[in-house]
C-alpha cells in the first residue's frame, strides 16, 4: 500500500484536469465551490474503483496488448503535460482564468465529469494499481478495493488542502514570478519522470 500511496501522491501533486478545475473554481468562486467540485471528483474516483473491482484488471491480464496500449497512451499524455508545463510560456495550475459562477449541481457534475475524463486517473486504476496486486496475498478484487481506497484517501486529502489554500497560493505565486516558474519546473519534471517510468515498466496485471 505504501507504493500506491507514493504513486497517488506523485500523481495528485502534478497538474492535471482535476487540479486545474478545482483551483480555477476555488479562486474564481470561493472555497465552497471548490469543495463542492471536490465531491464530484470523489464520486468519479468511486466509479473507477468499482470498475477496477469488477474486472478491469482481469481484462488487461487476458488482453495484454490492450494493457500495453493504455499504458503507452498514458505515458504519452503525461509526457505531453510535462512539455506543456515546461515549455516557454507554460501555464501554472495556480494561475487560472476567471470563470463565471456556477450553481451547486453544475459544480458537482463538472467535478465528476472532469475526473471521469481525466487520463491520469484512468492510468492509475488501469495501469499502476494492478502492478501492486499480489495474488498470493488473497482475493485480487479485495486488494484492488483496498489499494483504490488508499489512492482515494491520498487524492482527496491533498486536493482538499489545495482547495483550502488555493486562493492564498495563487496570490503568493502571483506576486513572485520566480516562485511561479519554479513551481512549473518542479511539477513538469515530476510529470516527465512518471511518464518515463510508466513507459519503461515491464510489469503486467494479474487476473482476478
C-alpha atoms as a PDB file:
ATOM      1  CA  UNK A   1       0.000   0.000   0.000  1.00  0.00           C
ATOM      2  CA  UNK A   2       2.952   2.299   0.567  1.00  0.00           C
ATOM      3  CA  UNK A   3       3.808   2.089  -3.125  1.00  0.00           C
ATOM      4  CA  UNK A   4       0.270   3.036  -4.142  1.00  0.00           C
ATOM      5  CA  UNK A   5       0.232   5.905  -1.654  1.00  0.00           C
ATOM      6  CA  UNK A   6       3.529   7.233  -3.043  1.00  0.00           C
ATOM      7  CA  UNK A   7       2.311   6.909  -6.645  1.00  0.00           C
ATOM      8  CA  UNK A   8      -1.005   8.557  -5.763  1.00  0.00           C
ATOM      9  CA  UNK A   9       0.800  11.424  -4.039  1.00  0.00           C
ATOM     10  CA  UNK A  10       3.064  11.987  -7.033  1.00  0.00           C
ATOM     11  CA  UNK A  11       0.089  11.913  -9.404  1.00  0.00           C
ATOM     12  CA  UNK A  12      -2.088  14.265  -7.373  1.00  0.00           C
ATOM     13  CA  UNK A  13       0.737  16.778  -6.944  1.00  0.00           C
ATOM     14  CA  UNK A  14       1.286  17.039 -10.693  1.00  0.00           C
ATOM     15  CA  UNK A  15      -1.003  19.478 -12.507  1.00  0.00           C
ATOM     16  CA  UNK A  16      -3.812  17.849 -14.431  1.00  0.00           C
ATOM     17  CA  UNK A  17      -7.504  18.349 -15.242  1.00  0.00           C
ATOM     18  CA  UNK A  18      -8.635  17.809 -11.627  1.00  0.00           C
ATOM     19  CA  UNK A  19      -6.195  20.288 -10.117  1.00  0.00           C
ATOM     20  CA  UNK A  20      -6.813  22.866 -12.834  1.00  0.00           C
ATOM     21  CA  UNK A  21     -10.568  22.615 -12.368  1.00  0.00           C
ATOM     22  CA  UNK A  22     -10.532  22.692  -8.566  1.00  0.00           C
ATOM     23  CA  UNK A  23      -8.093  25.596  -8.368  1.00  0.00           C
ATOM     24  CA  UNK A  24      -9.940  27.582 -11.040  1.00  0.00           C
ATOM     25  CA  UNK A  25     -13.279  27.135  -9.297  1.00  0.00           C
ATOM     26  CA  UNK A  26     -11.881  27.957  -5.887  1.00  0.00           C
ATOM     27  CA  UNK A  27     -10.075  31.096  -6.994  1.00  0.00           C
ATOM     28  CA  UNK A  28     -12.985  32.379  -9.093  1.00  0.00           C
ATOM     29  CA  UNK A  29     -15.930  31.294  -6.939  1.00  0.00           C
ATOM     30  CA  UNK A  30     -14.608  30.605  -3.427  1.00  0.00           C
ATOM     31  CA  UNK A  31     -13.746  27.644  -1.220  1.00  0.00           C
ATOM     32  CA  UNK A  32     -17.321  26.389  -1.019  1.00  0.00           C
ATOM     33  CA  UNK A  33     -17.424  25.983  -4.796  1.00  0.00           C
ATOM     34  CA  UNK A  34     -14.076  24.226  -4.698  1.00  0.00           C
ATOM     35  CA  UNK A  35     -15.233  21.773  -2.040  1.00  0.00           C
ATOM     36  CA  UNK A  36     -18.485  21.024  -3.895  1.00  0.00           C
ATOM     37  CA  UNK A  37     -16.449  20.373  -7.026  1.00  0.00           C
ATOM     38  CA  UNK A  38     -14.242  18.062  -4.964  1.00  0.00           C
ATOM     39  CA  UNK A  39     -17.271  15.934  -4.013  1.00  0.00           C
ATOM     40  CA  UNK A  40     -17.868  15.398  -7.730  1.00  0.00           C
ATOM     41  CA  UNK A  41     -14.234  14.390  -8.152  1.00  0.00           C
ATOM     42  CA  UNK A  42     -14.664  11.936  -5.255  1.00  0.00           C
ATOM     43  CA  UNK A  43     -17.677  10.384  -6.985  1.00  0.00           C
ATOM     44  CA  UNK A  44     -15.546   9.898 -10.090  1.00  0.00           C
ATOM     45  CA  UNK A  45     -12.946   8.041  -8.026  1.00  0.00           C
ATOM     46  CA  UNK A  46     -15.650   5.708  -6.735  1.00  0.00           C
ATOM     47  CA  UNK A  47     -16.750   4.924 -10.297  1.00  0.00           C
ATOM     48  CA  UNK A  48     -13.200   3.962 -11.233  1.00  0.00           C
ATOM     49  CA  UNK A  49     -12.750   1.955  -8.027  1.00  0.00           C
ATOM     50  CA  UNK A  50     -15.936  -0.020  -8.680  1.00  0.00           C
ATOM     51  CA  UNK A  51     -14.901  -0.706 -12.264  1.00  0.00           C
ATOM     52  CA  UNK A  52     -11.485  -1.923 -11.103  1.00  0.00           C
ATOM     53  CA  UNK A  53     -13.047  -4.241  -8.522  1.00  0.00           C
ATOM     54  CA  UNK A  54     -15.395  -5.887 -11.025  1.00  0.00           C
ATOM     55  CA  UNK A  55     -12.790  -6.862 -13.552  1.00  0.00           C
ATOM     56  CA  UNK A  56     -10.753  -4.210 -15.361  1.00  0.00           C
ATOM     57  CA  UNK A  57      -7.561  -5.895 -14.175  1.00  0.00           C
ATOM     58  CA  UNK A  58      -8.768  -9.264 -15.469  1.00  0.00           C
ATOM     59  CA  UNK A  59      -9.483  -7.797 -18.892  1.00  0.00           C
ATOM     60  CA  UNK A  60      -5.971  -6.410 -19.169  1.00  0.00           C
ATOM     61  CA  UNK A  61      -4.471  -9.690 -17.971  1.00  0.00           C
ATOM     62  CA  UNK A  62      -6.323 -11.564 -20.730  1.00  0.00           C
ATOM     63  CA  UNK A  63      -5.578  -8.941 -23.398  1.00  0.00           C
ATOM     64  CA  UNK A  64      -2.032  -7.706 -22.653  1.00  0.00           C
ATOM     65  CA  UNK A  65      -1.930  -5.736 -25.912  1.00  0.00           C
ATOM     66  CA  UNK A  66      -4.787  -3.567 -24.643  1.00  0.00           C
ATOM     67  CA  UNK A  67      -2.958  -3.035 -21.351  1.00  0.00           C
ATOM     68  CA  UNK A  68       0.207  -2.024 -23.210  1.00  0.00           C
ATOM     69  CA  UNK A  69      -1.731   0.368 -25.448  1.00  0.00           C
ATOM     70  CA  UNK A  70      -3.376   2.077 -22.474  1.00  0.00           C
ATOM     71  CA  UNK A  71      -0.075   2.329 -20.623  1.00  0.00           C
ATOM     72  CA  UNK A  72       1.782   3.836 -23.575  1.00  0.00           C
ATOM     73  CA  UNK A  73      -1.079   6.237 -24.297  1.00  0.00           C
ATOM     74  CA  UNK A  74      -0.962   7.310 -20.668  1.00  0.00           C
ATOM     75  CA  UNK A  75       2.806   7.797 -20.800  1.00  0.00           C
ATOM     76  CA  UNK A  76       2.447   9.926 -23.929  1.00  0.00           C
ATOM     77  CA  UNK A  77      -0.282  12.009 -22.289  1.00  0.00           C
ATOM     78  CA  UNK A  78       1.819  12.624 -19.182  1.00  0.00           C
ATOM     79  CA  UNK A  79       4.787  13.478 -21.382  1.00  0.00           C
ATOM     80  CA  UNK A  80       2.634  15.984 -23.244  1.00  0.00           C
ATOM     81  CA  UNK A  81       1.537  17.526 -19.935  1.00  0.00           C
ATOM     82  CA  UNK A  82       5.198  17.767 -18.896  1.00  0.00           C
ATOM     83  CA  UNK A  83       6.102  19.523 -22.146  1.00  0.00           C
ATOM     84  CA  UNK A  84       3.104  21.842 -21.866  1.00  0.00           C
ATOM     85  CA  UNK A  85       4.147  22.772 -18.327  1.00  0.00           C
ATOM     86  CA  UNK A  86       7.876  23.210 -19.028  1.00  0.00           C
ATOM     87  CA  UNK A  87       7.742  24.973 -22.391  1.00  0.00           C
ATOM     88  CA  UNK A  88       8.277  28.757 -22.513  1.00  0.00           C
ATOM     89  CA  UNK A  89       5.013  30.429 -21.605  1.00  0.00           C
ATOM     90  CA  UNK A  90       3.700  27.294 -19.897  1.00  0.00           C
ATOM     91  CA  UNK A  91       0.666  27.669 -17.664  1.00  0.00           C
ATOM     92  CA  UNK A  92       0.722  27.067 -13.908  1.00  0.00           C
ATOM     93  CA  UNK A  93      -2.230  25.436 -12.183  1.00  0.00           C
ATOM     94  CA  UNK A  94      -2.257  28.376  -9.792  1.00  0.00           C
ATOM     95  CA  UNK A  95      -2.709  30.997 -12.484  1.00  0.00           C
ATOM     96  CA  UNK A  96      -6.269  30.132 -13.652  1.00  0.00           C
ATOM     97  CA  UNK A  97      -8.540  32.226 -15.826  1.00  0.00           C
ATOM     98  CA  UNK A  98     -11.598  33.908 -14.379  1.00  0.00           C
ATOM     99  CA  UNK A  99     -14.720  31.752 -14.692  1.00  0.00           C
ATOM    100  CA  UNK A 100     -18.439  32.582 -14.353  1.00  0.00           C
ATOM    101  CA  UNK A 101     -20.223  31.409 -11.199  1.00  0.00           C
ATOM    102  CA  UNK A 102     -21.965  28.048 -11.464  1.00  0.00           C
ATOM    103  CA  UNK A 103     -24.737  26.523  -9.298  1.00  0.00           C
ATOM    104  CA  UNK A 104     -24.095  23.638  -6.895  1.00  0.00           C
ATOM    105  CA  UNK A 105     -25.386  20.903  -9.217  1.00  0.00           C
ATOM    106  CA  UNK A 106     -23.191  22.032 -12.086  1.00  0.00           C
ATOM    107  CA  UNK A 107     -20.147  22.293  -9.826  1.00  0.00           C
ATOM    108  CA  UNK A 108     -20.648  18.685  -8.687  1.00  0.00           C
ATOM    109  CA  UNK A 109     -21.360  17.426 -12.195  1.00  0.00           C
ATOM    110  CA  UNK A 110     -18.336  19.155 -13.688  1.00  0.00           C
ATOM    111  CA  UNK A 111     -16.128  17.752 -10.934  1.00  0.00           C
ATOM    112  CA  UNK A 112     -17.455  14.269 -11.681  1.00  0.00           C
ATOM    113  CA  UNK A 113     -17.083  14.571 -15.464  1.00  0.00           C
ATOM    114  CA  UNK A 114     -13.628  16.155 -15.196  1.00  0.00           C
ATOM    115  CA  UNK A 115     -12.422  13.215 -13.125  1.00  0.00           C
ATOM    116  CA  UNK A 116     -14.059  10.547 -15.276  1.00  0.00           C
ATOM    117  CA  UNK A 117     -12.395  12.016 -18.366  1.00  0.00           C
ATOM    118  CA  UNK A 118      -9.045  12.508 -16.603  1.00  0.00           C
ATOM    119  CA  UNK A 119      -6.467  10.224 -18.273  1.00  0.00           C
ATOM    120  CA  UNK A 120      -4.239  10.367 -15.189  1.00  0.00           C
ATOM    121  CA  UNK A 121      -6.919   8.647 -13.091  1.00  0.00           C
ATOM    122  CA  UNK A 122      -7.601   6.060 -15.767  1.00  0.00           C
ATOM    123  CA  UNK A 123      -3.871   5.331 -15.849  1.00  0.00           C
ATOM    124  CA  UNK A 124      -3.771   4.990 -12.068  1.00  0.00           C
ATOM    125  CA  UNK A 125      -6.537   2.383 -11.959  1.00  0.00           C
ATOM    126  CA  UNK A 126      -5.822   0.530 -15.174  1.00  0.00           C
ATOM    127  CA  UNK A 127      -2.031   0.532 -15.299  1.00  0.00           C
ATOM    128  CA  UNK A 128      -0.484   1.432 -11.932  1.00  0.00           C
ATOM    129  CA  UNK A 129      -2.641  -0.106  -9.202  1.00  0.00           C
ATOM    130  CA  UNK A 130      -2.732  -3.572 -10.870  1.00  0.00           C
ATOM    131  CA  UNK A 131       1.060  -3.685 -10.554  1.00  0.00           C
ATOM    132  CA  UNK A 132       0.727  -3.688  -6.753  1.00  0.00           C
ATOM    133  CA  UNK A 133      -1.749  -6.578  -6.644  1.00  0.00           C
ATOM    134  CA  UNK A 134      -0.187  -9.836  -5.372  1.00  0.00           C
ATOM    135  CA  UNK A 135      -2.324 -12.977  -5.932  1.00  0.00           C
ATOM    136  CA  UNK A 136      -0.605 -14.768  -3.039  1.00  0.00           C
ATOM    137  CA  UNK A 137      -1.957 -12.144  -0.639  1.00  0.00           C
ATOM    138  CA  UNK A 138      -5.601 -13.049  -1.191  1.00  0.00           C
ATOM    139  CA  UNK A 139      -8.546 -12.051  -3.366  1.00  0.00           C
ATOM    140  CA  UNK A 140      -7.471  -9.733  -6.150  1.00  0.00           C
ATOM    141  CA  UNK A 141     -10.735  -7.773  -6.149  1.00  0.00           C
ATOM    142  CA  UNK A 142     -10.395  -7.094  -2.412  1.00  0.00           C
ATOM    143  CA  UNK A 143      -6.815  -5.967  -2.862  1.00  0.00           C
ATOM    144  CA  UNK A 144      -7.975  -3.683  -5.677  1.00  0.00           C
ATOM    145  CA  UNK A 145     -10.586  -2.127  -3.388  1.00  0.00           C
ATOM    146  CA  UNK A 146      -8.056  -1.634  -0.600  1.00  0.00           C
ATOM    147  CA  UNK A 147      -5.423  -0.119  -2.872  1.00  0.00           C
ATOM    148  CA  UNK A 148      -8.022   2.075  -4.548  1.00  0.00           C
ATOM    149  CA  UNK A 149      -9.208   3.283  -1.148  1.00  0.00           C
ATOM    150  CA  UNK A 150      -5.640   4.304  -0.321  1.00  0.00           C
ATOM    151  CA  UNK A 151      -5.398   6.237  -3.588  1.00  0.00           C
ATOM    152  CA  UNK A 152      -8.729   7.966  -2.967  1.00  0.00           C
ATOM    153  CA  UNK A 153      -7.728   8.892   0.577  1.00  0.00           C
ATOM    154  CA  UNK A 154      -4.466  10.449  -0.590  1.00  0.00           C
ATOM    155  CA  UNK A 155      -6.058  12.228  -3.540  1.00  0.00           C
ATOM    156  CA  UNK A 156      -8.961  13.718  -1.573  1.00  0.00           C
ATOM    157  CA  UNK A 157      -6.729  14.816   1.295  1.00  0.00           C
ATOM    158  CA  UNK A 158      -4.269  16.592  -0.973  1.00  0.00           C
ATOM    159  CA  UNK A 159      -6.956  18.073  -3.226  1.00  0.00           C
ATOM    160  CA  UNK A 160      -8.894  19.234  -0.178  1.00  0.00           C
ATOM    161  CA  UNK A 161      -5.818  21.024   1.153  1.00  0.00           C
ATOM    162  CA  UNK A 162      -5.223  22.547  -2.286  1.00  0.00           C
ATOM    163  CA  UNK A 163      -8.795  23.854  -2.374  1.00  0.00           C
ATOM    164  CA  UNK A 164      -8.457  25.368   1.104  1.00  0.00           C
ATOM    165  CA  UNK A 165      -5.157  27.024   0.235  1.00  0.00           C
ATOM    166  CA  UNK A 166      -5.701  27.797  -3.476  1.00  0.00           C
ATOM    167  CA  UNK A 167      -6.563  31.453  -3.019  1.00  0.00           C
ATOM    168  CA  UNK A 168      -3.577  32.138  -0.790  1.00  0.00           C
ATOM    169  CA  UNK A 169      -1.192  30.148  -3.002  1.00  0.00           C
ATOM    170  CA  UNK A 170      -2.386  31.910  -6.156  1.00  0.00           C
ATOM    171  CA  UNK A 171      -1.923  35.315  -4.534  1.00  0.00           C
ATOM    172  CA  UNK A 172       1.520  34.354  -3.180  1.00  0.00           C
ATOM    173  CA  UNK A 173       2.790  32.999  -6.504  1.00  0.00           C
ATOM    174  CA  UNK A 174       1.190  35.818  -8.457  1.00  0.00           C
ATOM    175  CA  UNK A 175       3.431  38.293  -6.639  1.00  0.00           C
ATOM    176  CA  UNK A 176       6.528  36.130  -7.101  1.00  0.00           C
ATOM    177  CA  UNK A 177       7.150  35.241 -10.774  1.00  0.00           C
ATOM    178  CA  UNK A 178      10.315  33.260  -9.963  1.00  0.00           C
ATOM    179  CA  UNK A 179       8.437  31.054  -7.496  1.00  0.00           C
ATOM    180  CA  UNK A 180       5.685  30.508 -10.051  1.00  0.00           C
ATOM    181  CA  UNK A 181       8.307  29.471 -12.604  1.00  0.00           C
ATOM    182  CA  UNK A 182       9.934  27.119 -10.083  1.00  0.00           C
ATOM    183  CA  UNK A 183       6.554  25.516  -9.365  1.00  0.00           C
ATOM    184  CA  UNK A 184       6.105  24.868 -13.074  1.00  0.00           C
ATOM    185  CA  UNK A 185       9.554  23.300 -13.426  1.00  0.00           C
ATOM    186  CA  UNK A 186       9.158  21.027 -10.403  1.00  0.00           C
ATOM    187  CA  UNK A 187       5.743  19.740 -11.439  1.00  0.00           C
ATOM    188  CA  UNK A 188       6.740  19.438 -15.084  1.00  0.00           C
ATOM    189  CA  UNK A 189       9.799  17.394 -14.161  1.00  0.00           C
ATOM    190  CA  UNK A 190       7.663  15.099 -11.984  1.00  0.00           C
ATOM    191  CA  UNK A 191       5.255  14.571 -14.863  1.00  0.00           C
ATOM    192  CA  UNK A 192       8.088  13.693 -17.203  1.00  0.00           C
ATOM    193  CA  UNK A 193       9.629  11.262 -14.712  1.00  0.00           C
ATOM    194  CA  UNK A 194       6.324   9.455 -14.195  1.00  0.00           C
ATOM    195  CA  UNK A 195       5.837   9.246 -17.969  1.00  0.00           C
ATOM    196  CA  UNK A 196       9.248   7.604 -18.421  1.00  0.00           C
ATOM    197  CA  UNK A 197       8.701   5.169 -15.553  1.00  0.00           C
ATOM    198  CA  UNK A 198       5.284   4.209 -16.877  1.00  0.00           C
ATOM    199  CA  UNK A 199       6.551   3.678 -20.420  1.00  0.00           C
ATOM    200  CA  UNK A 200       9.542   1.561 -19.376  1.00  0.00           C
ATOM    201  CA  UNK A 201       7.921  -0.550 -16.646  1.00  0.00           C
ATOM    202  CA  UNK A 202       7.534  -4.189 -17.716  1.00  0.00           C
ATOM    203  CA  UNK A 203       5.095  -5.328 -15.021  1.00  0.00           C
ATOM    204  CA  UNK A 204       1.813  -6.885 -16.150  1.00  0.00           C
ATOM    205  CA  UNK A 205      -1.579  -7.014 -14.424  1.00  0.00           C
ATOM    206  CA  UNK A 206      -2.663 -10.302 -12.876  1.00  0.00           C
ATOM    207  CA  UNK A 207      -6.077 -11.981 -13.342  1.00  0.00           C
ATOM    208  CA  UNK A 208      -8.630 -11.981 -10.543  1.00  0.00           C
END
